[in-house]
Amino acid sequence: RCERLKSIEIPNSVNFIGKYAFAGCENLKSITIPNSVTTIEDY
């Protein structure tokens, strides 16, 4: 629920994104998921 967050770039070092990590970020327009992530968790 970071409602004003518009964009985020996740570095290649990240291999896990947990549940609800960006849920409710209603102004998020774009996001880059790096090649290191294998599972996109619930919600």
All heavy atoms as atom14 arrays in JSON, in Angstrom:
{
  "sequence": "RCERLKSIEIPNSVNFIGKYAFAGCENLKSITIPNSVTTIEDY",
  "atom14_mask": [
    [1, 1, 1, 1, 1, 1, 1, 1, 1, 1, 1, 0, 0, 0],
    [1, 1, 1, 1, 1, 1, 0, 0, 0, 0, 0, 0, 0, 0],
    [1, 1, 1, 1, 1, 1, 1, 1, 1, 0, 0, 0, 0, 0],
    [1, 1, 1, 1, 1, 1, 1, 1, 1, 1, 1, 0, 0, 0],
    [1, 1, 1, 1, 1, 1, 1, 1, 0, 0, 0, 0, 0, 0],
    [1, 1, 1, 1, 1, 1, 1, 1, 1, 0, 0, 0, 0, 0],
    [1, 1, 1, 1, 1, 1, 0, 0, 0, 0, 0, 0, 0, 0],
    [1, 1, 1, 1, 1, 1, 1, 1, 0, 0, 0, 0, 0, 0],
    [1, 1, 1, 1, 1, 1, 1, 1, 1, 0, 0, 0, 0, 0],
    [1, 1, 1, 1, 1, 1, 1, 1, 0, 0, 0, 0, 0, 0],
    [1, 1, 1, 1, 1, 1, 1, 0, 0, 0, 0, 0, 0, 0],
    [1, 1, 1, 1, 1, 1, 1, 1, 0, 0, 0, 0, 0, 0],
    [1, 1, 1, 1, 1, 1, 0, 0, 0, 0, 0, 0, 0, 0],
    [1, 1, 1, 1, 1, 1, 1, 0, 0, 0, 0, 0, 0, 0],
    [1, 1, 1, 1, 1, 1, 1, 1, 0, 0, 0, 0, 0, 0],
    [1, 1, 1, 1, 1, 1, 1, 1, 1, 1, 1, 0, 0, 0],
    [1, 1, 1, 1, 1, 1, 1, 1, 0, 0, 0, 0, 0, 0],
    [1, 1, 1, 1, 0, 0, 0, 0, 0, 0, 0, 0, 0, 0],
    [1, 1, 1, 1, 1, 1, 1, 1, 1, 0, 0, 0, 0, 0],
    [1, 1, 1, 1, 1, 1, 1, 1, 1, 1, 1, 1, 0, 0],
    [1, 1, 1, 1, 1, 0, 0, 0, 0, 0, 0, 0, 0, 0],
    [1, 1, 1, 1, 1, 1, 1, 1, 1, 1, 1, 0, 0, 0],
    [1, 1, 1, 1, 1, 0, 0, 0, 0, 0, 0, 0, 0, 0],
    [1, 1, 1, 1, 0, 0, 0, 0, 0, 0, 0, 0, 0, 0],
    [1, 1, 1, 1, 1, 1, 0, 0, 0, 0, 0, 0, 0, 0],
    [1, 1, 1, 1, 1, 1, 1, 1, 1, 0, 0, 0, 0, 0],
    [1, 1, 1, 1, 1, 1, 1, 1, 0, 0, 0, 0, 0, 0],
    [1, 1, 1, 1, 1, 1, 1, 1, 0, 0, 0, 0, 0, 0],
    [1, 1, 1, 1, 1, 1, 1, 1, 1, 0, 0, 0, 0, 0],
    [1, 1, 1, 1, 1, 1, 0, 0, 0, 0, 0, 0, 0, 0],
    [1, 1, 1, 1, 1, 1, 1, 1, 0, 0, 0, 0, 0, 0],
    [1, 1, 1, 1, 1, 1, 1, 0, 0, 0, 0, 0, 0, 0],
    [1, 1, 1, 1, 1, 1, 1, 1, 0, 0, 0, 0, 0, 0],
    [1, 1, 1, 1, 1, 1, 1, 0, 0, 0, 0, 0, 0, 0],
    [1, 1, 1, 1, 1, 1, 1, 1, 0, 0, 0, 0, 0, 0],
    [1, 1, 1, 1, 1, 1, 0, 0, 0, 0, 0, 0, 0, 0],
    [1, 1, 1, 1, 1, 1, 1, 0, 0, 0, 0, 0, 0, 0],
    [1, 1, 1, 1, 1, 1, 1, 0, 0, 0, 0, 0, 0, 0],
    [1, 1, 1, 1, 1, 1, 1, 0, 0, 0, 0, 0, 0, 0],
    [1, 1, 1, 1, 1, 1, 1, 1, 0, 0, 0, 0, 0, 0],
    [1, 1, 1, 1, 1, 1, 1, 1, 1, 0, 0, 0, 0, 0],
    [1, 1, 1, 1, 1, 1, 1, 1, 0, 0, 0, 0, 0, 0],
    [1, 1, 1, 1, 1, 1, 1, 1, 1, 1, 1, 1, 0, 0]
  ],
  "atom14_positions": [
    [[0.79, -1.23, 0.0], [0.0, 0.0, 0.0], [0.83, 1.28, 0.0], [0.43, 2.29, 0.6], [-0.99, -0.01, 1.15], [-2.0, -1.15, 0.97], [-3.22, -0.95, 1.72], [-3.84, 0.28, 1.22], [-5.11, 0.57, 1.33], [-5.9, -0.3, 1.87], [-5.59, 1.68, 0.9], [0.0, 0.0, 0.0], [0.0, 0.0, 0.0], [0.0, 0.0, 0.0]],
    [[1.98, 1.24, -0.66], [2.74, 2.49, -0.91], [2.05, 3.14, -2.1], [2.47, 2.98, -3.25], [4.21, 2.19, -1.18], [5.1, 1.65, 0.28], [0.0, 0.0, 0.0], [0.0, 0.0, 0.0], [0.0, 0.0, 0.0], [0.0, 0.0, 0.0], [0.0, 0.0, 0.0], [0.0, 0.0, 0.0], [0.0, 0.0, 0.0], [0.0, 0.0, 0.0]],
    [[0.97, 3.83, -1.84], [0.05, 4.28, -2.87], [0.63, 5.29, -3.85], [0.11, 5.44, -4.95], [-1.22, 4.82, -2.21], [-1.97, 3.73, -1.47], [-3.13, 4.25, -0.64], [-3.34, 5.48, -0.59], [-3.81, 3.41, -0.04], [0.0, 0.0, 0.0], [0.0, 0.0, 0.0], [0.0, 0.0, 0.0], [0.0, 0.0, 0.0], [0.0, 0.0, 0.0]],
    [[1.7, 5.98, -3.51], [2.27, 6.98, -4.42], [3.48, 6.48, -5.2], [3.99, 7.18, -6.06], [2.62, 8.25, -3.65], [1.37, 8.91, -3.13], [1.63, 10.27, -2.6], [0.35, 10.86, -2.19], [0.25, 11.9, -1.43], [1.32, 12.5, -0.99], [-0.94, 12.37, -1.11], [0.0, 0.0, 0.0], [0.0, 0.0, 0.0], [0.0, 0.0, 0.0]],
    [[3.92, 5.26, -4.92], [5.05, 4.67, -5.62], [4.68, 4.46, -7.09], [3.69, 3.82, -7.4], [5.41, 3.33, -4.97], [6.64, 2.6, -5.53], [7.91, 3.39, -5.26], [6.73, 1.22, -4.88], [0.0, 0.0, 0.0], [0.0, 0.0, 0.0], [0.0, 0.0, 0.0], [0.0, 0.0, 0.0], [0.0, 0.0, 0.0], [0.0, 0.0, 0.0]],
    [[5.5, 5.03, -8.01], [5.17, 4.96, -9.44], [6.03, 3.96, -10.21], [5.58, 3.39, -11.19], [5.3, 6.35, -10.08], [4.23, 7.3, -9.61], [4.32, 8.62, -10.33], [3.2, 9.53, -9.86], [3.24, 10.83, -10.48], [0.0, 0.0, 0.0], [0.0, 0.0, 0.0], [0.0, 0.0, 0.0], [0.0, 0.0, 0.0], [0.0, 0.0, 0.0]],
    [[7.28, 3.78, -9.81], [8.13, 2.82, -10.51], [9.18, 2.27, -9.57], [9.52, 2.89, -8.56], [8.79, 3.48, -11.73], [9.71, 4.46, -11.31], [0.0, 0.0, 0.0], [0.0, 0.0, 0.0], [0.0, 0.0, 0.0], [0.0, 0.0, 0.0], [0.0, 0.0, 0.0], [0.0, 0.0, 0.0], [0.0, 0.0, 0.0], [0.0, 0.0, 0.0]],
    [[9.67, 1.11, -9.93], [10.73, 0.5, -9.13], [11.56, -0.39, -10.03], [11.06, -1.02, -10.95], [10.15, -0.3, -7.93], [11.27, -0.71, -6.97], [9.34, -1.49, -8.39], [10.78, -1.08, -5.6], [0.0, 0.0, 0.0], [0.0, 0.0, 0.0], [0.0, 0.0, 0.0], [0.0, 0.0, 0.0], [0.0, 0.0, 0.0], [0.0, 0.0, 0.0]],
    [[12.86, -0.36, -9.79], [13.77, -1.24, -10.52], [14.41, -2.18, -9.5], [15.02, -1.74, -8.54], [14.85, -0.44, -11.25], [15.67, -1.31, -12.17], [16.62, -0.48, -13.01], [16.23, 0.62, -13.43], [17.73, -0.96, -13.23], [0.0, 0.0, 0.0], [0.0, 0.0, 0.0], [0.0, 0.0, 0.0], [0.0, 0.0, 0.0], [0.0, 0.0, 0.0]],
    [[14.21, -3.45, -9.73], [14.72, -4.46, -8.81], [16.07, -4.94, -9.33], [16.19, -5.32, -10.5], [13.73, -5.64, -8.69], [12.37, -5.12, -8.2], [14.25, -6.72, -7.76], [11.25, -6.13, -8.27], [0.0, 0.0, 0.0], [0.0, 0.0, 0.0], [0.0, 0.0, 0.0], [0.0, 0.0, 0.0], [0.0, 0.0, 0.0], [0.0, 0.0, 0.0]],
    [[17.12, -4.92, -8.5], [18.46, -5.32, -8.99], [18.55, -6.83, -9.26], [17.76, -7.62, -8.74], [19.38, -4.92, -7.84], [18.52, -4.92, -6.63], [17.15, -4.53, -7.08], [0.0, 0.0, 0.0], [0.0, 0.0, 0.0], [0.0, 0.0, 0.0], [0.0, 0.0, 0.0], [0.0, 0.0, 0.0], [0.0, 0.0, 0.0], [0.0, 0.0, 0.0]],
    [[19.54, -7.2, -10.06], [19.76, -8.59, -10.43], [20.14, -9.49, -9.27], [20.11, -10.7, -9.38], [20.84, -8.71, -11.51], [20.32, -8.27, -12.86], [19.14, -8.45, -13.15], [21.18, -7.7, -13.67], [0.0, 0.0, 0.0], [0.0, 0.0, 0.0], [0.0, 0.0, 0.0], [0.0, 0.0, 0.0], [0.0, 0.0, 0.0], [0.0, 0.0, 0.0]],
    [[20.47, -8.9, -8.15], [20.83, -9.69, -6.98], [19.61, -10.32, -6.3], [19.73, -11.28, -5.55], [21.58, -8.81, -5.97], [20.8, -7.67, -5.65], [0.0, 0.0, 0.0], [0.0, 0.0, 0.0], [0.0, 0.0, 0.0], [0.0, 0.0, 0.0], [0.0, 0.0, 0.0], [0.0, 0.0, 0.0], [0.0, 0.0, 0.0], [0.0, 0.0, 0.0]],
    [[18.4, -9.81, -6.59], [17.17, -10.29, -5.95], [16.72, -11.59, -6.6], [16.57, -11.67, -7.81], [16.05, -9.23, -6.01], [14.72, -9.81, -5.55], [16.42, -8.02, -5.18], [0.0, 0.0, 0.0], [0.0, 0.0, 0.0], [0.0, 0.0, 0.0], [0.0, 0.0, 0.0], [0.0, 0.0, 0.0], [0.0, 0.0, 0.0], [0.0, 0.0, 0.0]],
    [[16.5, -12.62, -5.76], [16.0, -13.88, -6.3], [14.65, -14.27, -5.69], [14.09, -15.3, -6.05], [17.02, -15.01, -6.09], [17.43, -15.17, -4.65], [16.63, -14.96, -3.74], [18.68, -15.53, -4.43], [0.0, 0.0, 0.0], [0.0, 0.0, 0.0], [0.0, 0.0, 0.0], [0.0, 0.0, 0.0], [0.0, 0.0, 0.0], [0.0, 0.0, 0.0]],
    [[14.13, -13.46, -4.78], [12.85, -13.77, -4.14], [12.05, -12.5, -3.92], [12.57, -11.5, -3.43], [13.12, -14.45, -2.78], [11.88, -14.7, -1.98], [11.08, -15.8, -2.25], [11.5, -13.84, -0.96], [9.92, -16.04, -1.5], [10.35, -14.07, -0.22], [9.56, -15.16, -0.49], [0.0, 0.0, 0.0], [0.0, 0.0, 0.0], [0.0, 0.0, 0.0]],
    [[10.77, -12.54, -4.31], [9.84, -11.44, -4.03], [8.68, -12.05, -3.26], [7.96, -12.92, -3.77], [9.34, -10.77, -5.33], [10.52, -10.21, -6.13], [8.36, -9.65, -5.0], [10.14, -9.68, -7.5], [0.0, 0.0, 0.0], [0.0, 0.0, 0.0], [0.0, 0.0, 0.0], [0.0, 0.0, 0.0], [0.0, 0.0, 0.0], [0.0, 0.0, 0.0]],
    [[8.49, -11.64, -2.02], [7.51, -12.24, -1.12], [6.08, -11.81, -1.37], [5.79, -10.87, -2.13], [0.0, 0.0, 0.0], [0.0, 0.0, 0.0], [0.0, 0.0, 0.0], [0.0, 0.0, 0.0], [0.0, 0.0, 0.0], [0.0, 0.0, 0.0], [0.0, 0.0, 0.0], [0.0, 0.0, 0.0], [0.0, 0.0, 0.0], [0.0, 0.0, 0.0]],
    [[5.17, -12.48, -0.69], [3.74, -12.22, -0.8], [3.42, -10.77, -0.46], [4.0, -10.19, 0.45], [2.98, -13.15, 0.14], [3.1, -14.6, -0.25], [2.41, -15.5, 0.76], [2.65, -16.95, 0.36], [2.05, -17.88, 1.3], [0.0, 0.0, 0.0], [0.0, 0.0, 0.0], [0.0, 0.0, 0.0], [0.0, 0.0, 0.0], [0.0, 0.0, 0.0]],
    [[2.5, -10.2, -1.22], [1.99, -8.83, -1.02], [3.08, -7.77, -1.1], [2.86, -6.63, -0.66], [1.29, -8.7, 0.34], [0.05, -9.54, 0.5], [0.09, -10.78, 1.13], [-1.18, -9.07, 0.05], [-1.05, -11.54, 1.3], [-2.33, -9.83, 0.21], [-2.27, -11.06, 0.84], [-3.39, -11.81, 1.0], [0.0, 0.0, 0.0], [0.0, 0.0, 0.0]],
    [[4.23, -8.08, -1.65], [5.36, -7.14, -1.65], [4.99, -5.76, -2.21], [5.41, -4.74, -1.67], [6.54, -7.72, -2.41], [0.0, 0.0, 0.0], [0.0, 0.0, 0.0], [0.0, 0.0, 0.0], [0.0, 0.0, 0.0], [0.0, 0.0, 0.0], [0.0, 0.0, 0.0], [0.0, 0.0, 0.0], [0.0, 0.0, 0.0], [0.0, 0.0, 0.0]],
    [[4.22, -5.72, -3.29], [3.83, -4.46, -3.91], [2.31, -4.3, -3.97], [1.8, -3.42, -4.66], [4.4, -4.35, -5.32], [5.9, -4.4, -5.35], [6.57, -5.58, -5.65], [6.66, -3.28, -5.08], [7.95, -5.64, -5.67], [8.04, -3.33, -5.08], [8.69, -4.51, -5.38], [0.0, 0.0, 0.0], [0.0, 0.0, 0.0], [0.0, 0.0, 0.0]],
    [[1.58, -5.16, -3.28], [0.12, -5.11, -3.32], [-0.39, -3.76, -2.84], [0.12, -3.18, -1.89], [-0.46, -6.23, -2.45], [0.0, 0.0, 0.0], [0.0, 0.0, 0.0], [0.0, 0.0, 0.0], [0.0, 0.0, 0.0], [0.0, 0.0, 0.0], [0.0, 0.0, 0.0], [0.0, 0.0, 0.0], [0.0, 0.0, 0.0], [0.0, 0.0, 0.0]],
    [[-1.39, -3.26, -3.56], [-1.99, -1.99, -3.17], [-1.19, -0.77, -3.55], [-1.54, 0.35, -3.17], [0.0, 0.0, 0.0], [0.0, 0.0, 0.0], [0.0, 0.0, 0.0], [0.0, 0.0, 0.0], [0.0, 0.0, 0.0], [0.0, 0.0, 0.0], [0.0, 0.0, 0.0], [0.0, 0.0, 0.0], [0.0, 0.0, 0.0], [0.0, 0.0, 0.0]],
    [[-0.11, -0.95, -4.33], [0.65, 0.2, -4.84], [-0.09, 0.7, -6.07], [0.29, 0.44, -7.21], [2.08, -0.21, -5.18], [3.06, -0.68, -3.75], [0.0, 0.0, 0.0], [0.0, 0.0, 0.0], [0.0, 0.0, 0.0], [0.0, 0.0, 0.0], [0.0, 0.0, 0.0], [0.0, 0.0, 0.0], [0.0, 0.0, 0.0], [0.0, 0.0, 0.0]],
    [[-1.19, 1.4, -5.83], [-2.12, 1.69, -6.91], [-1.59, 2.63, -7.99], [-2.15, 2.69, -9.07], [-3.45, 2.2, -6.36], [-3.38, 3.1, -5.17], [-4.74, 3.44, -4.61], [-5.37, 2.58, -3.99], [-5.16, 4.6, -4.79], [0.0, 0.0, 0.0], [0.0, 0.0, 0.0], [0.0, 0.0, 0.0], [0.0, 0.0, 0.0], [0.0, 0.0, 0.0]],
    [[-0.5, 3.35, -7.77], [0.06, 4.21, -8.81], [1.3, 3.63, -9.49], [1.91, 4.29, -10.32], [0.37, 5.59, -8.23], [-0.89, 6.41, -8.07], [-1.62, 6.61, -9.03], [-1.18, 6.83, -6.86], [0.0, 0.0, 0.0], [0.0, 0.0, 0.0], [0.0, 0.0, 0.0], [0.0, 0.0, 0.0], [0.0, 0.0, 0.0], [0.0, 0.0, 0.0]],
    [[1.67, 2.42, -9.12], [2.82, 1.76, -9.74], [2.51, 1.5, -11.22], [1.55, 0.81, -11.54], [3.13, 0.45, -9.02], [4.4, -0.28, -9.42], [5.63, 0.55, -9.06], [4.47, -1.63, -8.72], [0.0, 0.0, 0.0], [0.0, 0.0, 0.0], [0.0, 0.0, 0.0], [0.0, 0.0, 0.0], [0.0, 0.0, 0.0], [0.0, 0.0, 0.0]],
    [[3.3, 2.09, -12.13], [3.03, 1.96, -13.56], [3.95, 0.97, -14.24], [3.56, 0.32, -15.21], [3.15, 3.32, -14.24], [2.03, 4.24, -13.9], [2.03, 5.47, -14.77], [0.8, 6.29, -14.46], [0.61, 7.41, -15.34], [0.0, 0.0, 0.0], [0.0, 0.0, 0.0], [0.0, 0.0, 0.0], [0.0, 0.0, 0.0], [0.0, 0.0, 0.0]],
    [[5.18, 0.87, -13.77], [6.11, -0.06, -14.42], [7.04, -0.68, -13.39], [7.33, -0.07, -12.36], [6.9, 0.65, -15.51], [7.75, 1.62, -14.94], [0.0, 0.0, 0.0], [0.0, 0.0, 0.0], [0.0, 0.0, 0.0], [0.0, 0.0, 0.0], [0.0, 0.0, 0.0], [0.0, 0.0, 0.0], [0.0, 0.0, 0.0], [0.0, 0.0, 0.0]],
    [[7.48, -1.87, -13.7], [8.39, -2.57, -12.82], [9.25, -3.5, -13.65], [8.81, -4.03, -14.67], [7.62, -3.34, -11.72], [8.57, -3.84, -10.64], [6.78, -4.45, -12.29], [7.91, -4.19, -9.35], [0.0, 0.0, 0.0], [0.0, 0.0, 0.0], [0.0, 0.0, 0.0], [0.0, 0.0, 0.0], [0.0, 0.0, 0.0], [0.0, 0.0, 0.0]],
    [[10.5, -3.63, -13.25], [11.42, -4.55, -13.92], [11.74, -5.7, -12.97], [12.22, -5.47, -11.86], [12.73, -3.82, -14.29], [12.42, -2.71, -15.1], [13.66, -4.75, -15.03], [0.0, 0.0, 0.0], [0.0, 0.0, 0.0], [0.0, 0.0, 0.0], [0.0, 0.0, 0.0], [0.0, 0.0, 0.0], [0.0, 0.0, 0.0], [0.0, 0.0, 0.0]],
    [[11.45, -6.9, -13.41], [11.78, -8.09, -12.61], [13.06, -8.66, -13.19], [13.13, -8.96, -14.39], [10.64, -9.14, -12.68], [9.35, -8.55, -12.09], [11.03, -10.41, -11.93], [8.16, -9.44, -12.22], [0.0, 0.0, 0.0], [0.0, 0.0, 0.0], [0.0, 0.0, 0.0], [0.0, 0.0, 0.0], [0.0, 0.0, 0.0], [0.0, 0.0, 0.0]],
    [[14.1, -8.83, -12.38], [15.38, -9.32, -12.9], [15.36, -10.82, -13.21], [14.49, -11.56, -12.74], [16.36, -9.02, -11.77], [15.53, -9.03, -10.54], [14.18, -8.54, -10.94], [0.0, 0.0, 0.0], [0.0, 0.0, 0.0], [0.0, 0.0, 0.0], [0.0, 0.0, 0.0], [0.0, 0.0, 0.0], [0.0, 0.0, 0.0], [0.0, 0.0, 0.0]],
    [[16.33, -11.26, -14.01], [16.46, -12.65, -14.41], [16.82, -13.59, -13.26], [16.85, -14.8, -13.45], [17.53, -12.8, -15.5], [16.97, -12.42, -16.85], [15.81, -12.68, -17.14], [17.79, -11.8, -17.67], [0.0, 0.0, 0.0], [0.0, 0.0, 0.0], [0.0, 0.0, 0.0], [0.0, 0.0, 0.0], [0.0, 0.0, 0.0], [0.0, 0.0, 0.0]],
    [[17.04, -13.06, -12.1], [17.39, -13.89, -10.95], [16.17, -14.43, -10.21], [16.27, -15.37, -9.43], [18.25, -13.07, -9.98], [17.63, -11.82, -9.72], [0.0, 0.0, 0.0], [0.0, 0.0, 0.0], [0.0, 0.0, 0.0], [0.0, 0.0, 0.0], [0.0, 0.0, 0.0], [0.0, 0.0, 0.0], [0.0, 0.0, 0.0], [0.0, 0.0, 0.0]],
    [[14.98, -13.86, -10.47], [13.76, -14.27, -9.77], [13.17, -15.51, -10.43], [13.01, -15.56, -11.64], [12.72, -13.13, -9.76], [11.39, -13.57, -9.17], [13.25, -11.93, -8.99], [0.0, 0.0, 0.0], [0.0, 0.0, 0.0], [0.0, 0.0, 0.0], [0.0, 0.0, 0.0], [0.0, 0.0, 0.0], [0.0, 0.0, 0.0], [0.0, 0.0, 0.0]],
    [[12.84, -16.53, -9.61], [12.27, -17.77, -10.15], [10.78, -17.92, -9.85], [10.06, -18.56, -10.6], [13.01, -19.01, -9.6], [12.94, -18.99, -8.18], [14.46, -19.01, -10.05], [0.0, 0.0, 0.0], [0.0, 0.0, 0.0], [0.0, 0.0, 0.0], [0.0, 0.0, 0.0], [0.0, 0.0, 0.0], [0.0, 0.0, 0.0], [0.0, 0.0, 0.0]],
    [[10.32, -17.34, -8.74], [8.91, -17.46, -8.35], [8.37, -16.09, -8.01], [9.0, -15.33, -7.29], [8.75, -18.38, -7.12], [9.27, -19.66, -7.44], [7.29, -18.52, -6.71], [0.0, 0.0, 0.0], [0.0, 0.0, 0.0], [0.0, 0.0, 0.0], [0.0, 0.0, 0.0], [0.0, 0.0, 0.0], [0.0, 0.0, 0.0], [0.0, 0.0, 0.0]],
    [[7.18, -15.79, -8.54], [6.47, -14.57, -8.14], [5.39, -15.03, -7.18], [4.43, -15.7, -7.57], [5.89, -13.82, -9.36], [7.01, -13.47, -10.35], [5.19, -12.55, -8.9], [6.51, -12.85, -11.65], [0.0, 0.0, 0.0], [0.0, 0.0, 0.0], [0.0, 0.0, 0.0], [0.0, 0.0, 0.0], [0.0, 0.0, 0.0], [0.0, 0.0, 0.0]],
    [[5.56, -14.71, -5.91], [4.7, -15.21, -4.83], [3.26, -14.66, -4.92], [2.97, -13.74, -5.68], [5.31, -14.83, -3.48], [6.57, -15.58, -3.14], [6.3, -17.0, -2.66], [5.33, -17.22, -1.91], [7.08, -17.88, -3.03], [0.0, 0.0, 0.0], [0.0, 0.0, 0.0], [0.0, 0.0, 0.0], [0.0, 0.0, 0.0], [0.0, 0.0, 0.0]],
    [[2.37, -15.19, -4.08], [0.97, -14.8, -4.02], [0.81, -13.29, -3.8], [1.51, -12.69, -2.99], [0.26, -15.5, -2.85], [0.24, -17.01, -2.98], [0.52, -17.52, -4.08], [-0.08, -17.67, -1.98], [0.0, 0.0, 0.0], [0.0, 0.0, 0.0], [0.0, 0.0, 0.0], [0.0, 0.0, 0.0], [0.0, 0.0, 0.0], [0.0, 0.0, 0.0]],
    [[-0.13, -12.71, -4.52], [-0.59, -11.32, -4.32], [0.49, -10.25, -4.48], [0.29, -9.12, -4.03], [-1.23, -11.17, -2.93], [-2.39, -12.1, -2.67], [-2.2, -13.3, -1.98], [-3.66, -11.79, -3.13], [-3.25, -14.16, -1.75], [-4.73, -12.66, -2.89], [-4.51, -13.84, -2.2], [-5.56, -14.68, -1.97], [0.0, 0.0, 0.0], [0.0, 0.0, 0.0]]
  ]
}
